[in-house]
C-alpha atoms as a PDB file:
ATOM      1  CA  UNK A   1       0.233   0.113  -0.506  1.00  0.00           C
ATOM      2  CA  UNK A   2       1.525   3.678  -0.881  1.00  0.00           C
ATOM      3  CA  UNK A   3       0.684   6.132   0.928  1.00  0.00           C
ATOM      4  CA  UNK A   4       1.615   9.590   0.177  1.00  0.00           C
ATOM      5  CA  UNK A   5       0.350  13.390   1.109  1.00  0.00           C
ATOM      6  CA  UNK A   6      -1.937  15.490   0.177  1.00  0.00           C
ATOM      7  CA  UNK A   7      -2.859  18.710   1.451  1.00  0.00           C
ATOM      8  CA  UNK A   8      -0.975  17.682   4.951  1.00  0.00           C
ATOM      9  CA  UNK A   9      -3.201  14.771   5.176  1.00  0.00           C
ATOM     10  CA  UNK A  10      -2.101  10.690   5.344  1.00  0.00           C
ATOM     11  CA  UNK A  11      -4.365   9.405   1.766  1.00  0.00           C
ATOM     12  CA  UNK A  12      -3.761   5.680   1.258  1.00  0.00           C
ATOM     13  CA  UNK A  13      -4.288   4.401  -2.437  1.00  0.00           C
ATOM     14  CA  UNK A  14      -6.005   1.296  -2.671  1.00  0.00           C
ATOM     15  CA  UNK A  15      -4.807  -2.433  -3.648  1.00  0.00           C
ATOM     16  CA  UNK A  16      -7.704  -3.851  -5.476  1.00  0.00           C
ATOM     17  CA  UNK A  17      -5.821  -7.296  -4.393  1.00  0.00           C
ATOM     18  CA  UNK A  18      -6.262  -6.160  -0.409  1.00  0.00           C
ATOM     19  CA  UNK A  19     -10.579  -5.126  -0.868  1.00  0.00           C
ATOM     20  CA  UNK A  20     -12.774  -7.362   0.794  1.00  0.00           C
ATOM     21  CA  UNK A  21     -16.456  -8.313  -0.313  1.00  0.00           C
ATOM     22  CA  UNK A  22     -18.827  -8.346   1.805  1.00  0.00           C
ATOM     23  CA  UNK A  23     -21.189 -10.962   2.401  1.00  0.00           C
ATOM     24  CA  UNK A  24     -25.125 -10.443   1.162  1.00  0.00           C
ATOM     25  CA  UNK A  25     -26.287 -11.873   4.268  1.00  0.00           C
ATOM     26  CA  UNK A  26     -24.104  -9.783   6.161  1.00  0.00           C
ATOM     27  CA  UNK A  27     -25.292  -6.544   3.887  1.00  0.00           C
ATOM     28  CA  UNK A  28     -29.126  -7.389   4.719  1.00  0.00           C
ATOM     29  CA  UNK A  29     -28.477  -7.972   8.241  1.00  0.00           C
ATOM     30  CA  UNK A  30     -26.740  -5.060   9.024  1.00  0.00           C
ATOM     31  CA  UNK A  31     -29.348  -2.739   6.405  1.00  0.00           C
ATOM     32  CA  UNK A  32     -31.974  -3.672   8.184  1.00  0.00           C
ATOM     33  CA  UNK A  33     -30.545  -2.452  11.698  1.00  0.00           C
ATOM     34  CA  UNK A  34     -30.551   1.333  13.115  1.00  0.00           C
ATOM     35  CA  UNK A  35     -27.224   3.803  12.863  1.00  0.00           C
ATOM     36  CA  UNK A  36     -27.911   3.185  16.195  1.00  0.00           C
ATOM     37  CA  UNK A  37     -27.641   0.028  16.090  1.00  0.00           C
ATOM     38  CA  UNK A  38     -24.539  -0.963  14.205  1.00  0.00           C
ATOM     39  CA  UNK A  39     -22.577   1.763  16.121  1.00  0.00           C
ATOM     40  CA  UNK A  40     -23.083  -1.003  19.037  1.00  0.00           C
ATOM     41  CA  UNK A  41     -22.654  -3.696  17.029  1.00  0.00           C
ATOM     42  CA  UNK A  42     -18.711  -1.235  15.998  1.00  0.00           C
ATOM     43  CA  UNK A  43     -17.512  -1.234  19.384  1.00  0.00           C
ATOM     44  CA  UNK A  44     -18.902  -4.360  20.747  1.00  0.00           C
ATOM     45  CA  UNK A  45     -16.628  -6.519  18.457  1.00  0.00           C
ATOM     46  CA  UNK A  46     -13.395  -3.926  18.812  1.00  0.00           C
ATOM     47  CA  UNK A  47     -14.354  -4.905  22.058  1.00  0.00           C
ATOM     48  CA  UNK A  48     -13.860  -8.587  22.013  1.00  0.00           C
ATOM     49  CA  UNK A  49     -10.790  -8.031  19.853  1.00  0.00           C
ATOM     50  CA  UNK A  50      -9.805  -5.662  23.084  1.00  0.00           C
ATOM     51  CA  UNK A  51     -10.248  -8.972  25.036  1.00  0.00           C
ATOM     52  CA  UNK A  52      -8.800 -12.057  22.489  1.00  0.00           C
ATOM     53  CA  UNK A  53      -5.456  -9.879  22.531  1.00  0.00           C
ATOM     54  CA  UNK A  54      -5.500  -9.550  26.569  1.00  0.00           C
ATOM     55  CA  UNK A  55      -6.020 -12.321  26.600  1.00  0.00           C
ATOM     56  CA  UNK A  56      -3.782 -13.680  24.035  1.00  0.00           C
ATOM     57  CA  UNK A  57      -0.632 -11.429  25.891  1.00  0.00           C
ATOM     58  CA  UNK A  58      -1.968 -11.818  29.721  1.00  0.00           C
ATOM     59  CA  UNK A  59      -1.430 -15.778  28.659  1.00  0.00           C
ATOM     60  CA  UNK A  60       2.290 -15.371  26.201  1.00  0.00           C
ATOM     61  CA  UNK A  61       3.078 -12.846  28.955  1.00  0.00           C
ATOM     62  CA  UNK A  62       2.427 -12.981  32.909  1.00  0.00           C
ATOM     63  CA  UNK A  63       4.408 -11.210  34.028  1.00  0.00           C
ATOM     64  CA  UNK A  64       4.055  -7.812  32.061  1.00  0.00           C
ATOM     65  CA  UNK A  65       2.244  -5.291  34.370  1.00  0.00           C
ATOM     66  CA  UNK A  66      -1.686  -4.303  33.618  1.00  0.00           C
ATOM     67  CA  UNK A  67       0.085  -0.889  32.042  1.00  0.00           C
ATOM     68  CA  UNK A  68       1.448  -3.250  29.765  1.00  0.00           C
ATOM     69  CA  UNK A  69      -0.986  -5.235  28.824  1.00  0.00           C
ATOM     70  CA  UNK A  70      -2.783  -2.547  27.677  1.00  0.00           C
ATOM     71  CA  UNK A  71       0.466  -0.808  26.260  1.00  0.00           C
ATOM     72  CA  UNK A  72       0.536  -3.425  23.783  1.00  0.00           C
ATOM     73  CA  UNK A  73      -3.134  -4.131  23.002  1.00  0.00           C
ATOM     74  CA  UNK A  74      -3.760  -0.978  21.927  1.00  0.00           C
ATOM     75  CA  UNK A  75      -0.147  -0.968  19.917  1.00  0.00           C
ATOM     76  CA  UNK A  76      -1.414  -3.271  17.981  1.00  0.00           C
ATOM     77  CA  UNK A  77      -5.126  -2.197  17.919  1.00  0.00           C
ATOM     78  CA  UNK A  78      -3.741   1.188  16.270  1.00  0.00           C
ATOM     79  CA  UNK A  79      -0.709  -1.329  13.682  1.00  0.00           C
ATOM     80  CA  UNK A  80      -2.964  -3.854  13.251  1.00  0.00           C
ATOM     81  CA  UNK A  81      -1.923  -6.511  14.431  1.00  0.00           C
ATOM     82  CA  UNK A  82      -2.721  -9.328  16.335  1.00  0.00           C
END
């Protein structure tokens, strides 16, 4: 993925090989939801991912402090790694 500057904002060039298509059933499910419900679904998914990463880190690094765990979860969420 190429990144460039455009009016002091980051702009990414889309790589069509990396685009994921949403399943038709998921599209229908989400279209039936209110905007508030869709936001709640997104927040719930985010929380689930954070909890899964946290659990894996606690298992892999039992000596780490809560602060270290939180920092690593944030780092992985920001960089898209798990």
